[in-house]
Amino acid sequence: MNQREHVTRAHLWLRHILGTITLVLLMLLIIRLTIQDFHINGQSMESTLHDQEFILVNKAAYMWQPPARGDIIVFRYPKNPQEDYIKRIIAIPGDTIQITPKAVTVDGVVLHERYVNKDKLHYYDPTITRRTIRSDQYFVMGDNRGNSSDSRDWGTVPRQNIIGKAIVVYWPFGVNNFGLLPNMSDVFAQIR
């Protein structure tokens, strides 16, 4: 191998390494711009999400479609935008919501909320007679209704406060019957 071939090979390897590094950095940037981790602090979303769990949030979920009823979202708390909250969307812009001691109704239809723990449920104080949700506003509630500060207390969430949609729990792993090993079926469990 002459010196010229050696230099050409070195250039090819250098280009390959720099290309790989550039690609990895670009992928990390895209991931950072579209995915965010979030730490659950509190019991307001029990039994769907548990205190001290870590989840991933898709920040790009609402770039092409609006948030939907039933989505679990992370958002900047309207009373203190430095604080992030996680809740479920109950009503979207244009919906009329009513909350009574027995049920939540949206546009006259009683919600059948499979995610709410009926054993711990004491419907709602305060009651909301009828309220139509304004444009770019979302009515949110925690799944643990008796232990949640939400739209019943402080009002709706503006669209611009929504960070993204909760998509997956990544920590902690569930525990098997012996209490020792992670239950791998819970790793990256989809949030519903």
N, C-alpha and C. Protein backbone atom coordinates (compact mmCIF):
# COMPACT_ATOMS: atom_id res chain seq x y z
N MET A 1 0.86 -1.17 0.00
CA MET A 1 0.00 0.00 0.00
C MET A 1 0.90 1.23 0.00
N ASN A 2 0.69 2.11 -0.95
CA ASN A 2 1.50 3.32 -1.00
C ASN A 2 0.90 4.37 -0.07
N GLN A 3 1.63 5.45 0.07
CA GLN A 3 1.22 6.50 1.02
C GLN A 3 -0.10 7.16 0.61
N ARG A 4 -0.32 7.31 -0.68
CA ARG A 4 -1.56 7.95 -1.15
C ARG A 4 -2.79 7.11 -0.80
N GLU A 5 -2.71 5.78 -0.99
CA GLU A 5 -3.81 4.90 -0.61
C GLU A 5 -4.06 4.95 0.89
N HIS A 6 -2.99 5.02 1.66
CA HIS A 6 -3.10 5.08 3.12
C HIS A 6 -3.82 6.37 3.55
N VAL A 7 -3.49 7.50 2.93
CA VAL A 7 -4.14 8.78 3.24
C VAL A 7 -5.61 8.73 2.83
N THR A 8 -5.90 8.16 1.67
CA THR A 8 -7.29 8.05 1.21
C THR A 8 -8.11 7.20 2.17
N ARG A 9 -7.56 6.08 2.61
CA ARG A 9 -8.25 5.22 3.58
C ARG A 9 -8.48 5.96 4.89
N ALA A 10 -7.50 6.69 5.34
CA ALA A 10 -7.63 7.46 6.59
C ALA A 10 -8.74 8.50 6.45
N HIS A 11 -8.80 9.16 5.30
CA HIS A 11 -9.86 10.15 5.05
C HIS A 11 -11.24 9.48 5.06
N LEU A 12 -11.34 8.31 4.43
CA LEU A 12 -12.62 7.59 4.41
C LEU A 12 -13.06 7.22 5.83
N TRP A 13 -12.13 6.72 6.63
CA TRP A 13 -12.46 6.37 8.02
C TRP A 13 -12.87 7.60 8.81
N LEU A 14 -12.16 8.68 8.61
CA LEU A 14 -12.48 9.92 9.32
C LEU A 14 -13.87 10.42 8.91
N ARG A 15 -14.17 10.39 7.61
CA ARG A 15 -15.50 10.80 7.14
C ARG A 15 -16.58 9.89 7.71
N HIS A 16 -16.31 8.60 7.76
CA HIS A 16 -17.27 7.64 8.31
C HIS A 16 -17.52 7.93 9.80
N ILE A 17 -16.48 8.14 10.54
CA ILE A 17 -16.61 8.42 11.98
C ILE A 17 -17.35 9.74 12.20
N LEU A 18 -16.98 10.78 11.47
CA LEU A 18 -17.66 12.08 11.62
C LEU A 18 -19.12 11.99 11.19
N GLY A 19 -19.41 11.24 10.15
CA GLY A 19 -20.79 11.04 9.71
C GLY A 19 -21.61 10.33 10.77
N THR A 20 -21.02 9.31 11.37
CA THR A 20 -21.72 8.56 12.43
C THR A 20 -21.98 9.46 13.64
N ILE A 21 -20.98 10.22 14.04
CA ILE A 21 -21.15 11.14 15.18
C ILE A 21 -22.23 12.17 14.88
N THR A 22 -22.22 12.72 13.67
CA THR A 22 -23.23 13.70 13.28
C THR A 22 -24.63 13.08 13.32
N LEU A 23 -24.76 11.87 12.80
CA LEU A 23 -26.05 11.18 12.80
C LEU A 23 -26.54 10.92 14.23
N VAL A 24 -25.66 10.47 15.10
CA VAL A 24 -26.04 10.22 16.50
C VAL A 24 -26.47 11.51 17.17
N LEU A 25 -25.73 12.59 16.97
CA LEU A 25 -26.10 13.88 17.57
C LEU A 25 -27.44 14.38 17.04
N LEU A 26 -27.67 14.20 15.75
CA LEU A 26 -28.95 14.60 15.15
C LEU A 26 -30.10 13.79 15.74
N MET A 27 -29.90 12.48 15.89
CA MET A 27 -30.94 11.63 16.49
C MET A 27 -31.21 12.04 17.94
N LEU A 28 -30.18 12.33 18.70
CA LEU A 28 -30.36 12.77 20.09
C LEU A 28 -31.11 14.09 20.16
N LEU A 29 -30.83 15.00 19.24
CA LEU A 29 -31.53 16.28 19.20
C LEU A 29 -33.01 16.08 18.89
N ILE A 30 -33.30 15.24 17.90
CA ILE A 30 -34.70 14.97 17.54
C ILE A 30 -35.43 14.33 18.72
N ILE A 31 -34.81 13.37 19.38
CA ILE A 31 -35.43 12.73 20.54
C ILE A 31 -35.67 13.76 21.63
N ARG A 32 -34.70 14.60 21.90
CA ARG A 32 -34.84 15.61 22.96
C ARG A 32 -35.95 16.61 22.65
N LEU A 33 -36.15 16.93 21.38
CA LEU A 33 -37.19 17.88 21.00
C LEU A 33 -38.58 17.26 21.00
N THR A 34 -38.68 15.94 20.90
CA THR A 34 -39.99 15.30 20.79
C THR A 34 -40.39 14.45 21.99
N ILE A 35 -39.45 14.02 22.80
CA ILE A 35 -39.73 13.16 23.95
C ILE A 35 -39.17 13.81 25.21
N GLN A 36 -39.95 13.75 26.28
CA GLN A 36 -39.51 14.29 27.57
C GLN A 36 -39.90 13.29 28.65
N ASP A 37 -39.04 13.16 29.65
CA ASP A 37 -39.43 12.32 30.77
C ASP A 37 -40.17 13.16 31.80
N PHE A 38 -40.97 12.51 32.61
CA PHE A 38 -41.77 13.20 33.63
C PHE A 38 -41.87 12.29 34.84
N HIS A 39 -41.70 12.88 36.01
CA HIS A 39 -41.77 12.16 37.28
C HIS A 39 -43.13 12.39 37.92
N ILE A 40 -43.87 11.32 38.19
CA ILE A 40 -45.18 11.42 38.84
C ILE A 40 -44.94 11.71 40.32
N ASN A 41 -45.49 12.84 40.78
CA ASN A 41 -45.32 13.22 42.18
C ASN A 41 -46.71 13.42 42.78
N GLY A 42 -47.24 12.39 43.38
CA GLY A 42 -48.56 12.47 43.98
C GLY A 42 -49.46 11.35 43.51
N GLN A 43 -50.67 11.31 44.07
CA GLN A 43 -51.58 10.20 43.83
C GLN A 43 -52.80 10.60 43.01
N SER A 44 -52.78 11.75 42.39
CA SER A 44 -53.99 12.24 41.70
C SER A 44 -54.37 11.40 40.48
N MET A 45 -53.44 10.60 39.94
CA MET A 45 -53.76 9.78 38.76
C MET A 45 -53.86 8.29 39.08
N GLU A 46 -53.90 7.93 40.38
CA GLU A 46 -54.10 6.53 40.77
C GLU A 46 -55.44 6.06 40.21
N SER A 47 -55.63 4.93 39.80
CA SER A 47 -54.77 3.78 39.69
C SER A 47 -54.13 3.65 38.31
N THR A 48 -54.30 4.63 37.46
CA THR A 48 -53.66 4.58 36.14
C THR A 48 -52.16 4.78 36.26
N LEU A 49 -51.76 5.82 36.98
CA LEU A 49 -50.35 6.13 37.20
C LEU A 49 -50.13 6.25 38.70
N HIS A 50 -48.95 5.84 39.15
CA HIS A 50 -48.68 5.77 40.58
C HIS A 50 -47.61 6.77 41.00
N ASP A 51 -47.69 7.18 42.24
CA ASP A 51 -46.72 8.10 42.82
C ASP A 51 -45.30 7.54 42.62
N GLN A 52 -44.40 8.40 42.22
CA GLN A 52 -42.97 8.12 42.01
C GLN A 52 -42.66 7.32 40.74
N GLU A 53 -43.63 7.12 39.86
CA GLU A 53 -43.33 6.50 38.57
C GLU A 53 -42.69 7.54 37.65
N PHE A 54 -41.97 7.04 36.66
CA PHE A 54 -41.40 7.89 35.62
C PHE A 54 -42.04 7.51 34.30
N ILE A 55 -42.43 8.51 33.53
CA ILE A 55 -43.09 8.27 32.24
C ILE A 55 -42.38 9.06 31.15
N LEU A 56 -42.68 8.69 29.91
CA LEU A 56 -42.23 9.46 28.75
C LEU A 56 -43.43 10.20 28.18
N VAL A 57 -43.18 11.42 27.74
CA VAL A 57 -44.21 12.30 27.19
C VAL A 57 -43.85 12.62 25.75
N ASN A 58 -44.81 12.44 24.85
CA ASN A 58 -44.62 12.76 23.43
C ASN A 58 -44.98 14.22 23.22
N LYS A 59 -43.95 15.07 23.07
CA LYS A 59 -44.18 16.50 22.90
C LYS A 59 -44.65 16.85 21.48
N ALA A 60 -44.53 15.91 20.56
CA ALA A 60 -44.95 16.17 19.18
C ALA A 60 -46.35 15.62 18.90
N ALA A 61 -47.00 15.03 19.89
CA ALA A 61 -48.29 14.36 19.68
C ALA A 61 -49.36 15.29 19.13
N TYR A 62 -49.30 16.56 19.49
CA TYR A 62 -50.37 17.48 19.09
C TYR A 62 -49.92 18.49 18.04
N MET A 63 -48.87 18.16 17.30
CA MET A 63 -48.44 19.05 16.23
C MET A 63 -49.42 19.01 15.06
N TRP A 64 -50.00 17.84 14.78
CA TRP A 64 -50.88 17.69 13.61
C TRP A 64 -52.32 17.36 13.97
N GLN A 65 -52.57 17.08 15.23
CA GLN A 65 -53.94 16.80 15.65
C GLN A 65 -54.16 17.39 17.03
N PRO A 66 -55.39 17.80 17.34
CA PRO A 66 -55.65 18.41 18.65
C PRO A 66 -55.73 17.35 19.75
N PRO A 67 -55.52 17.76 20.99
CA PRO A 67 -55.71 16.84 22.11
C PRO A 67 -57.15 16.31 22.11
N ALA A 68 -57.32 15.07 22.56
CA ALA A 68 -58.63 14.42 22.53
C ALA A 68 -59.10 14.07 23.93
N ARG A 69 -60.41 13.93 24.08
CA ARG A 69 -60.98 13.46 25.33
C ARG A 69 -60.34 12.12 25.70
N GLY A 70 -59.99 11.97 26.95
CA GLY A 70 -59.39 10.72 27.42
C GLY A 70 -57.88 10.71 27.40
N ASP A 71 -57.25 11.62 26.65
CA ASP A 71 -55.78 11.68 26.64
C ASP A 71 -55.27 12.09 28.01
N ILE A 72 -54.17 11.47 28.42
CA ILE A 72 -53.48 11.89 29.64
C ILE A 72 -52.36 12.82 29.19
N ILE A 73 -52.39 14.04 29.72
CA ILE A 73 -51.45 15.07 29.26
C ILE A 73 -50.61 15.60 30.41
N VAL A 74 -49.42 16.06 30.06
CA VAL A 74 -48.58 16.84 30.97
C VAL A 74 -48.68 18.28 30.50
N PHE A 75 -48.86 19.19 31.46
CA PHE A 75 -49.06 20.60 31.11
C PHE A 75 -48.49 21.49 32.20
N ARG A 76 -48.26 22.75 31.82
CA ARG A 76 -47.84 23.76 32.79
C ARG A 76 -49.08 24.20 33.56
N TYR A 77 -49.02 24.11 34.87
CA TYR A 77 -50.13 24.47 35.75
C TYR A 77 -50.50 25.94 35.51
N PRO A 78 -51.76 26.23 35.18
CA PRO A 78 -52.14 27.61 34.83
C PRO A 78 -51.88 28.63 35.94
N LYS A 79 -51.94 28.22 37.20
CA LYS A 79 -51.72 29.16 38.31
C LYS A 79 -50.24 29.40 38.60
N ASN A 80 -49.38 28.48 38.15
CA ASN A 80 -47.93 28.61 38.33
C ASN A 80 -47.24 27.86 37.19
N PRO A 81 -46.97 28.53 36.07
CA PRO A 81 -46.41 27.86 34.89
C PRO A 81 -45.03 27.22 35.10
N GLN A 82 -44.41 27.44 36.26
CA GLN A 82 -43.13 26.79 36.55
C GLN A 82 -43.35 25.34 36.99
N GLU A 83 -44.59 25.00 37.30
CA GLU A 83 -44.95 23.68 37.81
C GLU A 83 -45.67 22.88 36.72
N ASP A 84 -45.27 21.62 36.54
CA ASP A 84 -45.94 20.75 35.58
C ASP A 84 -46.89 19.81 36.30
N TYR A 85 -48.06 19.59 35.70
CA TYR A 85 -49.09 18.69 36.22
C TYR A 85 -49.36 17.61 35.18
N ILE A 86 -49.99 16.53 35.64
CA ILE A 86 -50.46 15.49 34.74
C ILE A 86 -51.91 15.16 35.09
N LYS A 87 -52.78 15.16 34.09
CA LYS A 87 -54.21 14.89 34.29
C LYS A 87 -54.78 14.29 33.00
N ARG A 88 -56.04 13.87 33.08
CA ARG A 88 -56.75 13.32 31.93
C ARG A 88 -57.69 14.39 31.37
N ILE A 89 -57.74 14.52 30.04
CA ILE A 89 -58.67 15.46 29.41
C ILE A 89 -60.07 14.86 29.48
N ILE A 90 -60.99 15.63 30.05
CA ILE A 90 -62.38 15.21 30.19
C ILE A 90 -63.25 15.91 29.14
N ALA A 91 -62.99 17.18 28.89
CA ALA A 91 -63.78 17.94 27.92
C ALA A 91 -62.86 18.81 27.07
N ILE A 92 -63.21 18.93 25.79
CA ILE A 92 -62.42 19.69 24.83
C ILE A 92 -63.20 20.93 24.40
N PRO A 93 -62.57 21.85 23.65
CA PRO A 93 -63.27 23.06 23.24
C PRO A 93 -64.62 22.76 22.58
N GLY A 94 -65.63 23.51 23.03
CA GLY A 94 -66.98 23.34 22.49
C GLY A 94 -67.85 22.37 23.27
N ASP A 95 -67.24 21.50 24.08
CA ASP A 95 -68.01 20.56 24.90
C ASP A 95 -68.73 21.31 26.02
N THR A 96 -69.88 20.78 26.42
CA THR A 96 -70.58 21.27 27.60
C THR A 96 -70.47 20.19 28.66
N ILE A 97 -69.89 20.55 29.80
CA ILE A 97 -69.66 19.59 30.88
C ILE A 97 -70.58 19.90 32.05
N GLN A 98 -71.00 18.85 32.72
CA GLN A 98 -71.79 18.99 33.94
C GLN A 98 -71.28 17.93 34.92
N ILE A 99 -71.05 18.36 36.16
CA ILE A 99 -70.59 17.44 37.19
C ILE A 99 -71.59 17.50 38.35
N THR A 100 -72.09 16.34 38.72
CA THR A 100 -73.03 16.23 39.84
C THR A 100 -72.43 15.30 40.88
N PRO A 101 -73.09 15.15 42.02
CA PRO A 101 -72.57 14.20 43.01
C PRO A 101 -72.51 12.75 42.51
N LYS A 102 -73.16 12.43 41.41
CA LYS A 102 -73.20 11.05 40.92
C LYS A 102 -72.42 10.79 39.63
N ALA A 103 -72.19 11.81 38.81
CA ALA A 103 -71.61 11.52 37.49
C ALA A 103 -71.03 12.77 36.84
N VAL A 104 -70.23 12.50 35.80
CA VAL A 104 -69.74 13.54 34.90
C VAL A 104 -70.44 13.33 33.57
N THR A 105 -71.02 14.39 33.03
CA THR A 105 -71.63 14.30 31.70
C THR A 105 -70.95 15.30 30.78
N VAL A 106 -70.73 14.87 29.55
CA VAL A 106 -70.18 15.73 28.51
C VAL A 106 -71.16 15.71 27.35
N ASP A 107 -71.63 16.88 26.99
CA ASP A 107 -72.63 17.02 25.92
C ASP A 107 -73.85 16.12 26.17
N GLY A 108 -74.25 16.03 27.44
CA GLY A 108 -75.43 15.26 27.81
C GLY A 108 -75.24 13.77 27.95
N VAL A 109 -74.03 13.27 27.71
CA VAL A 109 -73.74 11.84 27.80
C VAL A 109 -72.93 11.57 29.07
N VAL A 110 -73.42 10.65 29.90
CA VAL A 110 -72.69 10.28 31.12
C VAL A 110 -71.43 9.53 30.73
N LEU A 111 -70.28 9.96 31.29
CA LEU A 111 -69.02 9.28 31.01
C LEU A 111 -68.95 7.98 31.81
N HIS A 112 -68.56 6.91 31.15
CA HIS A 112 -68.30 5.63 31.82
C HIS A 112 -66.79 5.54 31.98
N GLU A 113 -66.32 5.94 33.13
CA GLU A 113 -64.89 6.12 33.36
C GLU A 113 -64.29 4.87 34.00
N ARG A 114 -63.85 3.95 33.17
CA ARG A 114 -63.29 2.69 33.65
C ARG A 114 -62.01 2.89 34.45
N TYR A 115 -61.34 4.00 34.25
CA TYR A 115 -60.07 4.29 34.91
C TYR A 115 -60.25 4.87 36.31
N VAL A 116 -61.46 5.25 36.69
CA VAL A 116 -61.71 5.82 38.02
C VAL A 116 -62.00 4.67 38.98
N ASN A 117 -61.32 4.68 40.13
CA ASN A 117 -61.53 3.66 41.15
C ASN A 117 -62.86 3.91 41.84
N LYS A 118 -63.86 3.11 41.51
CA LYS A 118 -65.22 3.31 42.03
C LYS A 118 -65.30 3.09 43.54
N ASP A 119 -64.39 2.27 44.10
CA ASP A 119 -64.41 2.00 45.55
C ASP A 119 -64.04 3.24 46.35
N LYS A 120 -63.13 4.05 45.83
CA LYS A 120 -62.68 5.24 46.54
C LYS A 120 -63.39 6.50 46.08
N LEU A 121 -64.38 6.32 45.22
CA LEU A 121 -65.00 7.46 44.57
C LEU A 121 -66.04 8.11 45.46
N HIS A 122 -65.89 9.38 45.66
CA HIS A 122 -66.98 10.18 46.19
C HIS A 122 -67.09 11.35 45.24
N TYR A 123 -68.14 11.27 44.39
CA TYR A 123 -68.32 12.29 43.36
C TYR A 123 -68.62 13.60 44.02
N TYR A 124 -68.54 14.50 43.28
CA TYR A 124 -67.63 15.58 43.18
C TYR A 124 -68.07 16.75 44.01
N ASP A 125 -67.14 17.35 44.62
CA ASP A 125 -67.36 18.61 45.29
C ASP A 125 -66.26 19.51 44.76
N PRO A 126 -66.49 20.59 44.16
CA PRO A 126 -67.80 21.20 43.97
C PRO A 126 -68.51 20.65 42.73
N THR A 127 -69.81 20.79 42.71
CA THR A 127 -70.55 20.40 41.51
C THR A 127 -70.43 21.52 40.49
N ILE A 128 -70.51 21.16 39.24
CA ILE A 128 -70.50 22.14 38.15
C ILE A 128 -71.81 21.95 37.40
N THR A 129 -72.64 22.97 37.43
CA THR A 129 -73.97 22.81 36.83
C THR A 129 -73.87 22.57 35.34
N ARG A 130 -73.45 23.53 34.59
CA ARG A 130 -73.22 23.37 33.14
C ARG A 130 -72.20 24.42 32.73
N ARG A 131 -71.19 23.96 32.04
CA ARG A 131 -70.17 24.89 31.56
C ARG A 131 -69.74 24.45 30.17
N THR A 132 -69.73 25.39 29.24
CA THR A 132 -69.23 25.11 27.89
C THR A 132 -67.77 25.53 27.83
N ILE A 133 -66.94 24.63 27.34
CA ILE A 133 -65.49 24.86 27.30
C ILE A 133 -65.17 25.78 26.12
N ARG A 134 -64.43 26.84 26.42
CA ARG A 134 -64.07 27.84 25.40
C ARG A 134 -63.02 27.29 24.43
N SER A 135 -62.88 28.00 23.34
CA SER A 135 -61.88 27.68 22.32
C SER A 135 -60.48 27.65 22.94
N ASP A 136 -59.68 26.69 22.54
CA ASP A 136 -58.30 26.52 23.02
C ASP A 136 -58.20 26.29 24.52
N GLN A 137 -59.23 25.74 25.14
CA GLN A 137 -59.22 25.42 26.57
C GLN A 137 -59.59 23.94 26.74
N TYR A 138 -59.07 23.32 27.79
CA TYR A 138 -59.32 21.90 28.06
C TYR A 138 -59.66 21.72 29.53
N PHE A 139 -60.70 20.92 29.80
CA PHE A 139 -61.11 20.62 31.16
C PHE A 139 -60.47 19.28 31.53
N VAL A 140 -59.65 19.28 32.59
CA VAL A 140 -58.90 18.09 32.97
C VAL A 140 -59.23 17.68 34.40
N MET A 141 -59.12 16.39 34.66
CA MET A 141 -59.33 15.86 36.01
C MET A 141 -58.35 14.73 36.26
N GLY A 142 -58.00 14.54 37.54
CA GLY A 142 -57.22 13.38 37.93
C GLY A 142 -58.11 12.16 38.02
N ASP A 143 -57.54 10.98 37.80
CA ASP A 143 -58.32 9.74 37.89
C ASP A 143 -58.72 9.42 39.33
N ASN A 144 -57.93 9.88 40.28
CA ASN A 144 -58.23 9.70 41.70
C ASN A 144 -59.01 10.92 42.16
N ARG A 145 -60.28 10.95 41.84
CA ARG A 145 -61.10 12.16 41.96
C ARG A 145 -61.12 12.76 43.36
N GLY A 146 -61.04 11.95 44.39
CA GLY A 146 -61.07 12.48 45.75
C GLY A 146 -59.75 13.08 46.19
N ASN A 147 -58.70 12.91 45.40
CA ASN A 147 -57.37 13.37 45.78
C ASN A 147 -56.70 14.06 44.59
N SER A 148 -57.42 14.98 43.96
CA SER A 148 -56.87 15.64 42.77
C SER A 148 -57.25 17.11 42.74
N SER A 149 -56.24 17.94 42.57
CA SER A 149 -56.46 19.36 42.29
C SER A 149 -56.50 19.48 40.78
N ASP A 150 -57.65 19.90 40.24
CA ASP A 150 -57.81 19.89 38.79
C ASP A 150 -58.75 21.00 38.33
N SER A 151 -59.29 20.87 37.14
CA SER A 151 -60.14 21.93 36.56
C SER A 151 -61.36 22.25 37.41
N ARG A 152 -61.78 21.34 38.26
CA ARG A 152 -62.89 21.63 39.16
C ARG A 152 -62.51 22.74 40.13
N ASP A 153 -61.22 22.83 40.46
CA ASP A 153 -60.74 23.79 41.45
C ASP A 153 -60.19 25.07 40.82
N TRP A 154 -59.41 24.96 39.75
CA TRP A 154 -58.70 26.12 39.22
C TRP A 154 -59.00 26.43 37.76
N GLY A 155 -59.96 25.75 37.16
CA GLY A 155 -60.38 26.10 35.80
C GLY A 155 -59.70 25.29 34.72
N THR A 156 -59.89 25.71 33.50
CA THR A 156 -59.41 24.96 32.34
C THR A 156 -57.93 25.21 32.07
N VAL A 157 -57.36 24.35 31.22
CA VAL A 157 -55.95 24.45 30.82
C VAL A 157 -55.91 25.04 29.41
N PRO A 158 -55.19 26.16 29.22
CA PRO A 158 -55.04 26.72 27.87
C PRO A 158 -54.21 25.77 26.98
N ARG A 159 -54.53 25.71 25.71
CA ARG A 159 -53.82 24.84 24.77
C ARG A 159 -52.31 25.08 24.81
N GLN A 160 -51.90 26.34 24.92
CA GLN A 160 -50.46 26.63 24.89
C GLN A 160 -49.73 26.10 26.13
N ASN A 161 -50.45 25.71 27.18
CA ASN A 161 -49.82 25.15 28.37
C ASN A 161 -49.55 23.65 28.25
N ILE A 162 -50.14 23.00 27.25
CA ILE A 162 -49.98 21.55 27.11
C ILE A 162 -48.59 21.24 26.55
N ILE A 163 -47.85 20.43 27.30
CA ILE A 163 -46.50 20.03 26.90
C ILE A 163 -46.57 18.83 25.96
N GLY A 164 -47.39 17.84 26.30
CA GLY A 164 -47.49 16.66 25.46
C GLY A 164 -48.35 15.58 26.06
N LYS A 165 -48.40 14.47 25.36
CA LYS A 165 -49.24 13.33 25.74
C LYS A 165 -48.38 12.27 26.43
N ALA A 166 -48.86 11.80 27.59
CA ALA A 166 -48.18 10.72 28.30
C ALA A 166 -48.31 9.45 27.47
N ILE A 167 -47.19 8.77 27.24
CA ILE A 167 -47.25 7.60 26.36
C ILE A 167 -46.82 6.30 27.02
N VAL A 168 -45.86 6.34 27.94
CA VAL A 168 -45.36 5.07 28.47
C VAL A 168 -44.72 5.28 29.84
N VAL A 169 -44.93 4.29 30.73
CA VAL A 169 -44.25 4.25 32.03
C VAL A 169 -42.94 3.51 31.81
N TYR A 170 -41.81 4.09 32.24
CA TYR A 170 -40.55 3.38 32.06
C TYR A 170 -39.86 3.03 33.37
N TRP A 171 -40.37 3.53 34.49
CA TRP A 171 -39.77 3.17 35.78
C TRP A 171 -40.75 3.47 36.89
N PRO A 172 -40.87 2.70 37.93
CA PRO A 172 -40.15 1.46 38.19
C PRO A 172 -40.80 0.30 37.48
N PHE A 173 -40.03 -0.78 37.37
CA PHE A 173 -40.58 -2.02 36.83
C PHE A 173 -41.55 -2.59 37.84
N GLY A 174 -42.54 -3.35 37.37
CA GLY A 174 -43.40 -4.10 38.29
C GLY A 174 -42.58 -5.20 38.95
N VAL A 175 -43.07 -5.76 40.03
CA VAL A 175 -42.32 -6.78 40.76
C VAL A 175 -43.07 -8.10 40.66
N ASN A 176 -42.31 -9.21 40.49
CA ASN A 176 -42.97 -10.52 40.39
C ASN A 176 -43.45 -10.99 41.76
N ASN A 177 -43.99 -12.18 41.83
CA ASN A 177 -44.57 -12.69 43.08
C ASN A 177 -43.56 -12.84 44.20
N PHE A 178 -42.28 -13.01 43.89
CA PHE A 178 -41.27 -13.18 44.92
C PHE A 178 -40.74 -11.84 45.42
N GLY A 179 -41.08 -10.77 44.76
CA GLY A 179 -40.65 -9.45 45.19
C GLY A 179 -39.21 -9.12 44.87
N LEU A 180 -38.59 -9.89 43.99
CA LEU A 180 -37.17 -9.69 43.74
C LEU A 180 -36.85 -9.17 42.34
N LEU A 181 -37.52 -9.69 41.35
CA LEU A 181 -37.14 -9.41 39.97
C LEU A 181 -38.15 -8.51 39.28
N PRO A 182 -37.67 -7.69 38.35
CA PRO A 182 -38.62 -6.87 37.60
C PRO A 182 -39.56 -7.73 36.77
N ASN A 183 -40.81 -7.33 36.72
CA ASN A 183 -41.78 -7.97 35.83
C ASN A 183 -41.64 -7.27 34.49
N MET A 184 -41.02 -7.92 33.55
CA MET A 184 -40.69 -7.28 32.28
C MET A 184 -41.92 -6.90 31.47
N SER A 185 -43.09 -7.43 31.81
CA SER A 185 -44.30 -7.03 31.09
C SER A 185 -44.68 -5.59 31.42
N ASP A 186 -44.19 -5.05 32.54
CA ASP A 186 -44.50 -3.67 32.92
C ASP A 186 -43.51 -2.66 32.35
N VAL A 187 -42.38 -3.15 31.81
CA VAL A 187 -41.40 -2.24 31.25
C VAL A 187 -42.01 -1.59 30.01
N PHE A 188 -41.99 -0.30 29.96
CA PHE A 188 -42.54 0.47 28.85
C PHE A 188 -44.02 0.16 28.62
N ALA A 189 -44.77 0.01 29.72
CA ALA A 189 -46.22 -0.22 29.62
C ALA A 189 -46.89 1.02 29.05
N GLN A 190 -47.76 0.83 28.08
CA GLN A 190 -48.46 1.94 27.44
C GLN A 190 -49.47 2.53 28.42
N ILE A 191 -49.58 3.85 28.42
CA ILE A 191 -50.50 4.55 29.30
C ILE A 191 -51.84 4.70 28.59
N ARG A 192 -52.93 4.36 29.29
CA ARG A 192 -54.28 4.49 28.72
C ARG A 192 -55.18 5.19 29.69
